[in-house]
Amino acid sequence: MQPQEIQALIEAAIADSKVEVSIEGSHVNVVVVSSAFEGMRPVQKQQLVYKALAEQIASGVIHAVNMQTLTPAEAG
């Protein structure tokens, strides 16, 4: 799976998001910045990202995801 495909999945699932994706072997690193994260606990933010990638994770296309989830204020 290409980084731009993963980026498109997350951006489609999370409103007003800016996503950076890099892939190292079977590990996917994502940085997601979205105002949709305002007022959420870290685990809630992660759940939104996992939900966007659930099908790819379940099928084994994506094996591991390392993520940073930030509001625009946190991203600075």
C-alpha atoms as a PDB file:
ATOM      1  CA  MET A   1       0.000   0.000   0.000  1.00  0.00           C
ATOM      2  CA  GLN A   2       1.354   3.410  -0.958  1.00  0.00           C
ATOM      3  CA  PRO A   3       1.651   6.341   1.483  1.00  0.00           C
ATOM      4  CA  GLN A   4      -0.754   8.467  -0.566  1.00  0.00           C
ATOM      5  CA  GLU A   5      -3.419   5.721  -0.364  1.00  0.00           C
ATOM      6  CA  ILE A   6      -3.165   5.638   3.426  1.00  0.00           C
ATOM      7  CA  GLN A   7      -3.224   9.440   3.519  1.00  0.00           C
ATOM      8  CA  ALA A   8      -6.403   9.507   1.414  1.00  0.00           C
ATOM      9  CA  LEU A   9      -8.160   6.964   3.675  1.00  0.00           C
ATOM     10  CA  ILE A  10      -7.415   8.957   6.819  1.00  0.00           C
ATOM     11  CA  GLU A  11      -8.246  12.328   5.269  1.00  0.00           C
ATOM     12  CA  ALA A  12     -11.583  10.951   4.028  1.00  0.00           C
ATOM     13  CA  ALA A  13     -12.454   9.582   7.482  1.00  0.00           C
ATOM     14  CA  ILE A  14     -11.337  12.495   9.674  1.00  0.00           C
ATOM     15  CA  ALA A  15     -12.725  15.943   8.928  1.00  0.00           C
ATOM     16  CA  ASP A  16     -10.321  18.819   8.368  1.00  0.00           C
ATOM     17  CA  SER A  17      -7.239  16.588   8.637  1.00  0.00           C
ATOM     18  CA  LYS A  18      -3.742  17.015   7.333  1.00  0.00           C
ATOM     19  CA  VAL A  19      -1.882  13.713   7.164  1.00  0.00           C
ATOM     20  CA  GLU A  20       1.761  12.781   6.670  1.00  0.00           C
ATOM     21  CA  VAL A  21       2.584   9.121   6.021  1.00  0.00           C
ATOM     22  CA  SER A  22       5.866   7.252   5.822  1.00  0.00           C
ATOM     23  CA  ILE A  23       6.363   3.520   5.491  1.00  0.00           C
ATOM     24  CA  GLU A  24       9.303   1.552   6.870  1.00  0.00           C
ATOM     25  CA  GLY A  25       8.974  -2.102   5.917  1.00  0.00           C
ATOM     26  CA  SER A  26       5.652  -3.293   7.314  1.00  0.00           C
ATOM     27  CA  HIS A  27       5.374  -0.351   9.715  1.00  0.00           C
ATOM     28  CA  VAL A  28       3.323   2.718   8.871  1.00  0.00           C
ATOM     29  CA  ASN A  29       4.100   6.038  10.555  1.00  0.00           C
ATOM     30  CA  VAL A  30       1.398   8.684  10.437  1.00  0.00           C
ATOM     31  CA  VAL A  31       1.089  12.222  11.746  1.00  0.00           C
ATOM     32  CA  VAL A  32      -2.503  13.454  11.745  1.00  0.00           C
ATOM     33  CA  VAL A  33      -3.393  17.060  12.528  1.00  0.00           C
ATOM     34  CA  SER A  34      -7.105  17.841  12.781  1.00  0.00           C
ATOM     35  CA  SER A  35      -9.423  20.218  14.577  1.00  0.00           C
ATOM     36  CA  ALA A  36     -11.726  17.176  14.944  1.00  0.00           C
ATOM     37  CA  PHE A  37      -9.380  16.075  17.762  1.00  0.00           C
ATOM     38  CA  GLU A  38     -10.263  19.099  19.941  1.00  0.00           C
ATOM     39  CA  GLY A  39     -11.311  17.955  23.411  1.00  0.00           C
ATOM     40  CA  MET A  40     -10.483  14.282  22.801  1.00  0.00           C
ATOM     41  CA  ARG A  41      -8.277  12.093  24.934  1.00  0.00           C
ATOM     42  CA  PRO A  42      -5.261  10.563  23.128  1.00  0.00           C
ATOM     43  CA  VAL A  43      -6.889   7.115  22.947  1.00  0.00           C
ATOM     44  CA  GLN A  44      -9.987   8.600  21.296  1.00  0.00           C
ATOM     45  CA  LYS A  45      -7.822  10.276  18.656  1.00  0.00           C
ATOM     46  CA  GLN A  46      -6.045   6.986  17.964  1.00  0.00           C
ATOM     47  CA  GLN A  47      -9.359   5.153  17.669  1.00  0.00           C
ATOM     48  CA  LEU A  48     -10.422   7.501  14.865  1.00  0.00           C
ATOM     49  CA  VAL A  49      -7.240   6.749  12.931  1.00  0.00           C
ATOM     50  CA  TYR A  50      -7.531   2.988  13.517  1.00  0.00           C
ATOM     51  CA  LYS A  51     -11.151   3.098  12.347  1.00  0.00           C
ATOM     52  CA  ALA A  52     -10.054   4.732   9.088  1.00  0.00           C
ATOM     53  CA  LEU A  53      -7.528   1.925   8.522  1.00  0.00           C
ATOM     54  CA  ALA A  54      -9.516  -0.977  10.021  1.00  0.00           C
ATOM     55  CA  GLU A  55     -10.026  -2.878   6.769  1.00  0.00           C
ATOM     56  CA  GLN A  56      -6.341  -2.695   5.810  1.00  0.00           C
ATOM     57  CA  ILE A  57      -5.233  -3.734   9.299  1.00  0.00           C
ATOM     58  CA  ALA A  58      -7.705  -6.643   9.433  1.00  0.00           C
ATOM     59  CA  SER A  59      -6.595  -7.905   6.028  1.00  0.00           C
ATOM     60  CA  GLY A  60      -2.922  -7.718   6.995  1.00  0.00           C
ATOM     61  CA  VAL A  61      -2.022  -5.114   4.366  1.00  0.00           C
ATOM     62  CA  ILE A  62      -0.959  -2.856   7.239  1.00  0.00           C
ATOM     63  CA  HIS A  63       0.810  -4.646  10.079  1.00  0.00           C
ATOM     64  CA  ALA A  64       1.704  -1.890  12.533  1.00  0.00           C
ATOM     65  CA  VAL A  65       0.818   1.767  12.869  1.00  0.00           C
ATOM     66  CA  ASN A  66       2.810   4.332  14.803  1.00  0.00           C
ATOM     67  CA  MET A  67       0.895   7.576  15.049  1.00  0.00           C
ATOM     68  CA  GLN A  68       0.958  11.112  16.310  1.00  0.00           C
ATOM     69  CA  THR A  69      -2.467  12.724  16.602  1.00  0.00           C
ATOM     70  CA  LEU A  70      -2.477  16.463  17.144  1.00  0.00           C
ATOM     71  CA  THR A  71      -4.864  19.398  17.141  1.00  0.00           C
ATOM     72  CA  PRO A  72      -3.739  22.410  15.070  1.00  0.00           C
ATOM     73  CA  ALA A  73      -2.767  24.198  18.323  1.00  0.00           C
ATOM     74  CA  GLU A  74      -0.635  21.224  19.423  1.00  0.00           C
ATOM     75  CA  ALA A  75       1.042  21.075  16.011  1.00  0.00           C
ATOM     76  CA  GLY A  76       1.973  24.753  16.373  1.00  0.00           C
END
